[in-house]
Structure formats: C-alpha cells, structure tokens
Amino acid sequence: MPEGPSILLMKEDLQKFVGKKVITAVGNAKIDRDLLIGKTLKEIRLYGKQTYLIFDEINVRIHLLMFGSYEIDQQTKPDNNLRLGLSFQNGKAFFYTCSVKLLPNDFLKTIDWEADVMSNIWNPEKTKNKLRSNPEMMVCDALMNQDIFSGVGNIIKNEVLFRIAVQPESLVGNLPPKKLNDLITEARNYSFEFLKWKREFVLKKHWKAHQKKNCPKCGRPLIKKITGKSKRRSFFCETDQKLY
C-alpha cells in the first residue's frame, strides 16, 4: 500500500493540472464522470493516503489501496485496471486499481487535517491525546490507525518501532512517557526521511527491519509475524525491542 510520502510525490506530479479544465473523463469507477467535464481543478489536498482533487462544489477522492498506482500523460496499463482517467488542457492523469469516489466539498470540513503526519498543521499534542484515550491498543495498530497517524503505513510502522526499540504488540498504555513521545516524534521524522529516500530511489537501502532477516544491531533473526487487529506483517527483534 502506498504510504503518505509516496502520495505526496503523486500530488507533486499532479500539481501541473491545478487551474486546468477537465476535457474528458474515462474509466470504470462507479461515479458520474460527466459531472467532472468542464470543471476546473482548484486544488489538491492530501489526508494521509487519500488524495482529494477539488473542483467547484465536488471533489474526487482517490485512495490507492493496496495495489493502486497512477501515471501522468501516458497510459501504459490496460483499460480494465483504469478506474479514472482525466484529460486536462495540458496532459492526462490515470489512476489504476484504486478507490474513486465523488464527494461534496462540505465533506472536507469533517476531516481532521491535523492528523496527517506530513502536514504543516500536524498536531502532535492531539495525537498524544488520541493515544492516551486508547491504552489497550497495540502500538502496531496505533501507528496504522489513520485517525491517529494519517499517512503511516506498514513500512513506516516497522521502521519506527525498530528505531524506538519497542515491540509491535506492546500496549500504548504501558509505554513510558519517553517512549510515547518517541513514537509520535519518529512517526513524523521517518515519514520525511522516507520521502527523501524515495526521491533518491534508495528507500530500501535504508530499511533496518522491514522485510529484513536479521537484526542489524545484534545479528539475530528478526521475528516475522502478523500482529494486531490490522493483521499486517511486523518485523522486529525480541532482543533489541522491548515488549511493554
């Protein structure tokens, strides 16, 4: 699943269409595509893994889910994977194998934009309050909870927990204050490092735990396990990461 940093890169690629009118709309998403024709793209906003293409009165929410992707200007993937293709005056945008929904712009008022870990208005204190209100939640689920850490995905989860030396099945309420602060701080820090490495095409070279076999600290085999209610793969070291 593309994580917040990858979606930010997608926004940058789409930015050239802001201020341009939609000429045609195609694809097999179950939306009224005709509503978009002739509309001008006013703005692109991100909420974690979700992208909002904002027009007058309505917006298109794009969520790439587990296997979604996009292309700019040239379609190289088959039509049966094409959920939405938009032609603008200066190019085309194609979205594949993803969720596409049309929503009224009033919906944007219901979003807690301060939960997006890569946003300029991200609110760590609000994040801390949300964590404290869920003491029985596993930290692996907390990091993957998009209402708490919008934009964090499985890679960031595994790398952050290795970085702060906490096992994924630890309970939020059992974390010492310093570890709770570290969890919040490093979720944001790692997201921006992820973005930097992604731009440089070296992201995987920097993985310490995700999809790794041995701990880079002690050399022992990492545990690979499905954890939490989210049932996602965790990679962790029982020696160098503590269970709280």
C-alpha atoms as a PDB file:
ATOM      1  CA  MET A   1       0.000   0.000   0.000  1.00  0.00           C
ATOM      2  CA  PRO A   2       1.461   3.402  -0.928  1.00  0.00           C
ATOM      3  CA  GLU A   3       2.173   5.394   2.224  1.00  0.00           C
ATOM      4  CA  GLY A   4       1.905   9.108   2.907  1.00  0.00           C
ATOM      5  CA  PRO A   5       5.289  10.091   1.405  1.00  0.00           C
ATOM      6  CA  SER A   6       4.507   8.323  -1.887  1.00  0.00           C
ATOM      7  CA  ILE A   7       1.140  10.091  -2.057  1.00  0.00           C
ATOM      8  CA  LEU A   8       2.917  13.415  -1.565  1.00  0.00           C
ATOM      9  CA  LEU A   9       5.064  12.614  -4.599  1.00  0.00           C
ATOM     10  CA  MET A  10       1.898  11.846  -6.548  1.00  0.00           C
ATOM     11  CA  LYS A  11       0.484  15.235  -5.578  1.00  0.00           C
ATOM     12  CA  GLU A  12       3.610  16.914  -6.916  1.00  0.00           C
ATOM     13  CA  ASP A  13       3.180  15.109 -10.243  1.00  0.00           C
ATOM     14  CA  LEU A  14      -0.484  16.147 -10.428  1.00  0.00           C
ATOM     15  CA  GLN A  15       0.161  19.760  -9.484  1.00  0.00           C
ATOM     16  CA  LYS A  16       0.533  20.881 -13.107  1.00  0.00           C
ATOM     17  CA  PHE A  17      -3.199  20.241 -13.611  1.00  0.00           C
ATOM     18  CA  VAL A  18      -4.299  22.745 -10.947  1.00  0.00           C
ATOM     19  CA  GLY A  19      -6.102  25.593 -12.683  1.00  0.00           C
ATOM     20  CA  LYS A  20      -6.860  23.464 -15.746  1.00  0.00           C
ATOM     21  CA  LYS A  21     -10.219  22.220 -17.017  1.00  0.00           C
ATOM     22  CA  VAL A  22     -11.200  18.589 -17.410  1.00  0.00           C
ATOM     23  CA  ILE A  23     -11.798  17.812 -21.073  1.00  0.00           C
ATOM     24  CA  THR A  24     -12.684  14.129 -20.814  1.00  0.00           C
ATOM     25  CA  ALA A  25     -13.173  11.614 -18.008  1.00  0.00           C
ATOM     26  CA  VAL A  26     -12.988   7.857 -18.595  1.00  0.00           C
ATOM     27  CA  GLY A  27     -12.565   4.684 -16.545  1.00  0.00           C
ATOM     28  CA  ASN A  28     -14.640   2.031 -14.792  1.00  0.00           C
ATOM     29  CA  ALA A  29     -15.098   3.690 -11.408  1.00  0.00           C
ATOM     30  CA  LYS A  30     -18.760   3.773 -10.441  1.00  0.00           C
ATOM     31  CA  ILE A  31     -19.124   7.540 -10.452  1.00  0.00           C
ATOM     32  CA  ASP A  32     -20.887  10.062 -12.692  1.00  0.00           C
ATOM     33  CA  ARG A  33     -17.828  11.106 -14.695  1.00  0.00           C
ATOM     34  CA  ASP A  34     -19.842  13.627 -16.713  1.00  0.00           C
ATOM     35  CA  LEU A  35     -20.006  15.835 -13.628  1.00  0.00           C
ATOM     36  CA  LEU A  36     -16.270  16.473 -13.984  1.00  0.00           C
ATOM     37  CA  ILE A  37     -16.198  17.519 -17.620  1.00  0.00           C
ATOM     38  CA  GLY A  38     -15.640  21.251 -17.984  1.00  0.00           C
ATOM     39  CA  LYS A  39     -14.782  21.623 -14.296  1.00  0.00           C
ATOM     40  CA  THR A  40     -11.550  23.357 -13.258  1.00  0.00           C
ATOM     41  CA  LEU A  41      -9.255  21.638 -10.770  1.00  0.00           C
ATOM     42  CA  LYS A  42      -8.999  24.206  -7.977  1.00  0.00           C
ATOM     43  CA  GLU A  43      -6.724  22.459  -5.513  1.00  0.00           C
ATOM     44  CA  ILE A  44      -5.206  19.136  -4.477  1.00  0.00           C
ATOM     45  CA  ARG A  45      -5.310  18.244  -0.801  1.00  0.00           C
ATOM     46  CA  LEU A  46      -3.879  15.212   0.948  1.00  0.00           C
ATOM     47  CA  TYR A  47      -5.035  13.397   4.023  1.00  0.00           C
ATOM     48  CA  GLY A  48      -2.509  10.667   4.660  1.00  0.00           C
ATOM     49  CA  LYS A  49      -3.040   8.066   1.951  1.00  0.00           C
ATOM     50  CA  GLN A  50      -6.045   9.866   0.446  1.00  0.00           C
ATOM     51  CA  THR A  51      -5.901  12.427  -2.342  1.00  0.00           C
ATOM     52  CA  TYR A  52      -8.668  14.972  -2.883  1.00  0.00           C
ATOM     53  CA  LEU A  53      -8.971  16.598  -6.306  1.00  0.00           C
ATOM     54  CA  ILE A  54     -11.081  19.627  -5.501  1.00  0.00           C
ATOM     55  CA  PHE A  55     -13.411  21.200  -8.060  1.00  0.00           C
ATOM     56  CA  ASP A  56     -16.343  23.594  -7.659  1.00  0.00           C
ATOM     57  CA  GLU A  57     -18.846  22.007  -5.251  1.00  0.00           C
ATOM     58  CA  ILE A  58     -17.449  18.469  -5.595  1.00  0.00           C
ATOM     59  CA  ASN A  59     -14.175  16.630  -5.180  1.00  0.00           C
ATOM     60  CA  VAL A  60     -12.746  13.319  -6.292  1.00  0.00           C
ATOM     61  CA  ARG A  61     -11.246  11.214  -3.527  1.00  0.00           C
ATOM     62  CA  ILE A  62      -8.534   8.850  -4.733  1.00  0.00           C
ATOM     63  CA  HIS A  63      -7.273   6.068  -2.452  1.00  0.00           C
ATOM     64  CA  LEU A  64      -4.674   3.772  -3.998  1.00  0.00           C
ATOM     65  CA  LEU A  65      -5.466   0.965  -1.517  1.00  0.00           C
ATOM     66  CA  MET A  66      -3.035  -1.978  -1.548  1.00  0.00           C
ATOM     67  CA  PHE A  67      -2.081  -2.177  -5.217  1.00  0.00           C
ATOM     68  CA  GLY A  68      -3.148   1.111  -6.752  1.00  0.00           C
ATOM     69  CA  SER A  69      -0.957   3.229  -8.992  1.00  0.00           C
ATOM     70  CA  TYR A  70      -1.057   6.259 -11.251  1.00  0.00           C
ATOM     71  CA  GLU A  71       0.510   7.574 -14.439  1.00  0.00           C
ATOM     72  CA  ILE A  72       0.874  11.014 -15.920  1.00  0.00           C
ATOM     73  CA  ASP A  73       0.261  11.783 -19.608  1.00  0.00           C
ATOM     74  CA  GLN A  74       0.725   8.248 -20.967  1.00  0.00           C
ATOM     75  CA  GLN A  75      -1.452   5.215 -20.267  1.00  0.00           C
ATOM     76  CA  THR A  76       0.591   2.014 -20.258  1.00  0.00           C
ATOM     77  CA  LYS A  77      -1.762  -0.211 -18.258  1.00  0.00           C
ATOM     78  CA  PRO A  78      -4.904  -1.981 -19.515  1.00  0.00           C
ATOM     79  CA  ASP A  79      -8.318  -0.347 -19.501  1.00  0.00           C
ATOM     80  CA  ASN A  80      -9.741  -2.934 -17.108  1.00  0.00           C
ATOM     81  CA  ASN A  81      -7.394  -1.585 -14.414  1.00  0.00           C
ATOM     82  CA  LEU A  82      -8.234   2.040 -15.167  1.00  0.00           C
ATOM     83  CA  ARG A  83     -10.564   3.411 -12.527  1.00  0.00           C
ATOM     84  CA  LEU A  84     -10.324   7.018 -13.649  1.00  0.00           C
ATOM     85  CA  GLY A  85      -8.558   8.828 -16.447  1.00  0.00           C
ATOM     86  CA  LEU A  86      -8.766  12.602 -16.646  1.00  0.00           C
ATOM     87  CA  SER A  87      -7.706  14.632 -19.676  1.00  0.00           C
ATOM     88  CA  PHE A  88      -6.791  18.254 -18.992  1.00  0.00           C
ATOM     89  CA  GLN A  89      -5.718  21.024 -21.323  1.00  0.00           C
ATOM     90  CA  ASN A  90      -2.061  20.231 -20.614  1.00  0.00           C
ATOM     91  CA  GLY A  91      -1.971  16.466 -20.158  1.00  0.00           C
ATOM     92  CA  LYS A  92      -3.610  13.418 -18.642  1.00  0.00           C
ATOM     93  CA  ALA A  93      -3.809  11.656 -15.264  1.00  0.00           C
ATOM     94  CA  PHE A  94      -4.550   7.936 -14.937  1.00  0.00           C
ATOM     95  CA  PHE A  95      -5.477   6.128 -11.710  1.00  0.00           C
ATOM     96  CA  TYR A  96      -5.438   2.335 -11.579  1.00  0.00           C
ATOM     97  CA  THR A  97      -6.780  -0.350  -9.213  1.00  0.00           C
ATOM     98  CA  CYS A  98      -7.876   2.183  -6.644  1.00  0.00           C
ATOM     99  CA  SER A  99     -10.916   3.570  -4.876  1.00  0.00           C
ATOM    100  CA  VAL A 100     -12.518   6.563  -6.580  1.00  0.00           C
ATOM    101  CA  LYS A 101     -15.405   8.477  -5.033  1.00  0.00           C
ATOM    102  CA  LEU A 102     -17.194  11.742  -5.755  1.00  0.00           C
ATOM    103  CA  LEU A 103     -17.910  13.726  -2.611  1.00  0.00           C
ATOM    104  CA  PRO A 104     -19.424  17.129  -1.860  1.00  0.00           C
ATOM    105  CA  ASN A 105     -16.871  19.685  -0.749  1.00  0.00           C
ATOM    106  CA  ASP A 106     -18.674  20.008   2.586  1.00  0.00           C
ATOM    107  CA  PHE A 107     -17.197  16.599   3.381  1.00  0.00           C
ATOM    108  CA  LEU A 108     -13.757  18.213   3.601  1.00  0.00           C
ATOM    109  CA  LYS A 109     -14.885  20.005   6.765  1.00  0.00           C
ATOM    110  CA  THR A 110     -15.286  16.656   8.543  1.00  0.00           C
ATOM    111  CA  ILE A 111     -11.623  15.672   8.135  1.00  0.00           C
ATOM    112  CA  ASP A 112      -9.134  16.104  10.964  1.00  0.00           C
ATOM    113  CA  TRP A 113      -6.348  17.524   8.813  1.00  0.00           C
ATOM    114  CA  GLU A 114      -4.128  17.835  11.897  1.00  0.00           C
ATOM    115  CA  ALA A 115      -3.800  14.030  11.999  1.00  0.00           C
ATOM    116  CA  ASP A 116      -1.737  13.911   8.792  1.00  0.00           C
ATOM    117  CA  VAL A 117       1.846  13.276   9.934  1.00  0.00           C
ATOM    118  CA  MET A 118       3.298  15.110   6.924  1.00  0.00           C
ATOM    119  CA  SER A 119       1.040  18.140   7.103  1.00  0.00           C
ATOM    120  CA  ASN A 120       2.286  21.575   8.104  1.00  0.00           C
ATOM    121  CA  ILE A 121      -0.565  21.680  10.613  1.00  0.00           C
ATOM    122  CA  TRP A 122       0.076  18.238  12.121  1.00  0.00           C
ATOM    123  CA  ASN A 123      -0.737  18.382  15.829  1.00  0.00           C
ATOM    124  CA  PRO A 124       1.441  16.088  17.999  1.00  0.00           C
ATOM    125  CA  GLU A 125      -0.425  17.020  21.186  1.00  0.00           C
ATOM    126  CA  LYS A 126      -3.723  15.960  19.692  1.00  0.00           C
ATOM    127  CA  THR A 127      -2.029  12.742  18.576  1.00  0.00           C
ATOM    128  CA  LYS A 128      -0.841  12.133  22.115  1.00  0.00           C
ATOM    129  CA  ASN A 129      -4.347  12.654  23.477  1.00  0.00           C
ATOM    130  CA  LYS A 130      -5.749  10.157  20.986  1.00  0.00           C
ATOM    131  CA  LEU A 131      -3.128   7.610  22.034  1.00  0.00           C
ATOM    132  CA  ARG A 132      -3.818   8.125  25.730  1.00  0.00           C
ATOM    133  CA  SER A 133      -7.514   7.534  25.115  1.00  0.00           C
ATOM    134  CA  ASN A 134      -6.682   4.083  23.679  1.00  0.00           C
ATOM    135  CA  PRO A 135      -4.438   2.475  26.339  1.00  0.00           C
ATOM    136  CA  GLU A 136      -5.374  -1.102  25.364  1.00  0.00           C
ATOM    137  CA  MET A 137      -4.447  -0.612  21.708  1.00  0.00           C
ATOM    138  CA  MET A 138      -1.283  -2.298  20.434  1.00  0.00           C
ATOM    139  CA  VAL A 139       1.293   0.164  19.154  1.00  0.00           C
ATOM    140  CA  CYS A 140       1.302  -1.601  15.774  1.00  0.00           C
ATOM    141  CA  ASP A 141      -2.416  -0.828  15.455  1.00  0.00           C
ATOM    142  CA  ALA A 142      -1.977   2.719  16.751  1.00  0.00           C
ATOM    143  CA  LEU A 143       0.583   3.545  14.085  1.00  0.00           C
ATOM    144  CA  MET A 144      -1.615   2.063  11.372  1.00  0.00           C
ATOM    145  CA  ASN A 145      -4.731   3.864  12.613  1.00  0.00           C
ATOM    146  CA  GLN A 146      -5.366   6.602  10.054  1.00  0.00           C
ATOM    147  CA  ASP A 147      -7.359   8.670  12.543  1.00  0.00           C
ATOM    148  CA  ILE A 148      -4.243   8.902  14.734  1.00  0.00           C
ATOM    149  CA  PHE A 149      -1.305   8.730  12.313  1.00  0.00           C
ATOM    150  CA  SER A 150      -2.764   9.531   8.910  1.00  0.00           C
ATOM    151  CA  GLY A 151      -0.283   8.535   6.226  1.00  0.00           C
ATOM    152  CA  VAL A 152       1.657   5.940   8.196  1.00  0.00           C
ATOM    153  CA  GLY A 153       1.778   2.502   6.595  1.00  0.00           C
ATOM    154  CA  ASN A 154       3.425  -0.818   7.278  1.00  0.00           C
ATOM    155  CA  ILE A 155       6.950   0.159   6.268  1.00  0.00           C
ATOM    156  CA  ILE A 156       6.925   3.246   8.464  1.00  0.00           C
ATOM    157  CA  LYS A 157       5.369   1.238  11.292  1.00  0.00           C
ATOM    158  CA  ASN A 158       8.090  -1.401  11.291  1.00  0.00           C
ATOM    159  CA  GLU A 159      10.939   1.058  10.931  1.00  0.00           C
ATOM    160  CA  VAL A 160       9.660   3.444  13.606  1.00  0.00           C
ATOM    161  CA  LEU A 161       9.193   0.641  16.142  1.00  0.00           C
ATOM    162  CA  PHE A 162      12.677  -0.673  15.460  1.00  0.00           C
ATOM    163  CA  ARG A 163      14.090   2.825  15.753  1.00  0.00           C
ATOM    164  CA  ILE A 164      12.482   3.426  19.165  1.00  0.00           C
ATOM    165  CA  ALA A 165      13.176  -0.162  20.354  1.00  0.00           C
ATOM    166  CA  VAL A 166       9.548  -1.129  21.012  1.00  0.00           C
ATOM    167  CA  GLN A 167       7.913  -4.422  20.055  1.00  0.00           C
ATOM    168  CA  PRO A 168       4.754  -4.060  17.935  1.00  0.00           C
ATOM    169  CA  GLU A 169       2.465  -5.928  20.358  1.00  0.00           C
ATOM    170  CA  SER A 170       3.234  -3.516  23.191  1.00  0.00           C
ATOM    171  CA  LEU A 171       0.202  -1.718  24.586  1.00  0.00           C
ATOM    172  CA  VAL A 172       0.002   2.036  24.200  1.00  0.00           C
ATOM    173  CA  GLY A 173      -0.950   2.464  27.866  1.00  0.00           C
ATOM    174  CA  ASN A 174       2.166   0.591  29.003  1.00  0.00           C
ATOM    175  CA  LEU A 175       4.615   2.833  27.178  1.00  0.00           C
ATOM    176  CA  PRO A 176       6.743   5.080  29.415  1.00  0.00           C
ATOM    177  CA  PRO A 177       6.232   8.791  28.678  1.00  0.00           C
ATOM    178  CA  LYS A 178       9.543   8.998  26.797  1.00  0.00           C
ATOM    179  CA  LYS A 179       8.649   6.075  24.548  1.00  0.00           C
ATOM    180  CA  LEU A 180       5.230   7.576  23.848  1.00  0.00           C
ATOM    181  CA  ASN A 181       6.899  10.832  22.834  1.00  0.00           C
ATOM    182  CA  ASP A 182       9.427   8.928  20.720  1.00  0.00           C
ATOM    183  CA  LEU A 183       6.607   7.092  18.950  1.00  0.00           C
ATOM    184  CA  ILE A 184       4.953  10.369  17.987  1.00  0.00           C
ATOM    185  CA  THR A 185       8.166  12.155  17.023  1.00  0.00           C
ATOM    186  CA  GLU A 186       9.658   9.357  14.960  1.00  0.00           C
ATOM    187  CA  ALA A 187       6.442   8.665  13.062  1.00  0.00           C
ATOM    188  CA  ARG A 188       6.807  12.125  11.566  1.00  0.00           C
ATOM    189  CA  ASN A 189      10.607  12.104  11.313  1.00  0.00           C
ATOM    190  CA  TYR A 190      10.713   8.787   9.493  1.00  0.00           C
ATOM    191  CA  SER A 191       7.936   9.841   7.123  1.00  0.00           C
ATOM    192  CA  PHE A 192      10.049  12.743   5.879  1.00  0.00           C
ATOM    193  CA  GLU A 193      13.165  10.581   5.662  1.00  0.00           C
ATOM    194  CA  PHE A 194      11.078   8.077   3.670  1.00  0.00           C
ATOM    195  CA  LEU A 195      10.162  10.918   1.302  1.00  0.00           C
ATOM    196  CA  LYS A 196      13.809  11.959   0.887  1.00  0.00           C
ATOM    197  CA  TRP A 197      14.985   8.391   0.202  1.00  0.00           C
ATOM    198  CA  LYS A 198      12.059   7.758  -2.132  1.00  0.00           C
ATOM    199  CA  ARG A 199      13.049  10.778  -4.222  1.00  0.00           C
ATOM    200  CA  GLU A 200      16.600   9.422  -4.391  1.00  0.00           C
ATOM    201  CA  PHE A 201      15.414   5.855  -5.230  1.00  0.00           C
ATOM    202  CA  VAL A 202      17.288   4.449  -2.209  1.00  0.00           C
ATOM    203  CA  LEU A 203      14.436   3.754   0.220  1.00  0.00           C
ATOM    204  CA  LYS A 204      15.023   0.003   0.575  1.00  0.00           C
ATOM    205  CA  LYS A 205      18.726   0.537   1.269  1.00  0.00           C
ATOM    206  CA  HIS A 206      17.763   2.291   4.494  1.00  0.00           C
ATOM    207  CA  TRP A 207      15.423  -0.363   5.875  1.00  0.00           C
ATOM    208  CA  LYS A 208      16.594  -1.719   9.208  1.00  0.00           C
ATOM    209  CA  ALA A 209      13.727  -4.108   9.984  1.00  0.00           C
ATOM    210  CA  HIS A 210      11.073  -4.157   7.267  1.00  0.00           C
ATOM    211  CA  GLN A 211      11.444  -7.364   5.213  1.00  0.00           C
ATOM    212  CA  LYS A 212      14.854  -7.995   6.776  1.00  0.00           C
ATOM    213  CA  LYS A 213      16.002 -11.385   8.062  1.00  0.00           C
ATOM    214  CA  ASN A 214      18.481 -10.410  10.761  1.00  0.00           C
ATOM    215  CA  CYS A 215      18.696  -7.608  13.295  1.00  0.00           C
ATOM    216  CA  PRO A 216      21.313  -5.025  12.276  1.00  0.00           C
ATOM    217  CA  LYS A 217      22.157  -4.498  15.954  1.00  0.00           C
ATOM    218  CA  CYS A 218      22.592  -7.989  17.387  1.00  0.00           C
ATOM    219  CA  GLY A 219      22.589 -10.106  14.244  1.00  0.00           C
ATOM    220  CA  ARG A 220      19.884 -12.459  15.490  1.00  0.00           C
ATOM    221  CA  PRO A 221      16.967 -13.471  13.259  1.00  0.00           C
ATOM    222  CA  LEU A 222      14.110 -10.987  13.233  1.00  0.00           C
ATOM    223  CA  ILE A 223      10.639 -12.180  14.123  1.00  0.00           C
ATOM    224  CA  LYS A 224       8.222 -12.033  11.199  1.00  0.00           C
ATOM    225  CA  LYS A 225       4.659 -12.093  12.492  1.00  0.00           C
ATOM    226  CA  ILE A 226       1.127 -10.946  11.719  1.00  0.00           C
ATOM    227  CA  THR A 227       0.277  -8.594  14.566  1.00  0.00           C
ATOM    228  CA  GLY A 228      -2.634  -6.590  15.903  1.00  0.00           C
ATOM    229  CA  LYS A 229      -6.174  -6.105  14.710  1.00  0.00           C
ATOM    230  CA  SER A 230      -4.818  -4.653  11.492  1.00  0.00           C
ATOM    231  CA  LYS A 231      -3.273  -8.091  10.774  1.00  0.00           C
ATOM    232  CA  ARG A 232      -0.265  -6.694   8.963  1.00  0.00           C
ATOM    233  CA  ARG A 233       3.226  -8.129   8.883  1.00  0.00           C
ATOM    234  CA  SER A 234       5.597  -6.983  11.569  1.00  0.00           C
ATOM    235  CA  PHE A 235       9.362  -7.460  11.571  1.00  0.00           C
ATOM    236  CA  PHE A 236      11.015  -6.992  14.942  1.00  0.00           C
ATOM    237  CA  CYS A 237      13.846  -8.097  17.215  1.00  0.00           C
ATOM    238  CA  GLU A 238      12.917  -9.721  20.523  1.00  0.00           C
ATOM    239  CA  THR A 239      16.320  -8.748  21.935  1.00  0.00           C
ATOM    240  CA  ASP A 240      16.622  -5.126  20.888  1.00  0.00           C
ATOM    241  CA  GLN A 241      12.940  -4.188  21.006  1.00  0.00           C
ATOM    242  CA  LYS A 242      11.137  -4.303  24.329  1.00  0.00           C
ATOM    243  CA  LEU A 243       7.618  -5.593  24.925  1.00  0.00           C
ATOM    244  CA  TYR A 244       5.689  -3.211  27.162  1.00  0.00           C
END
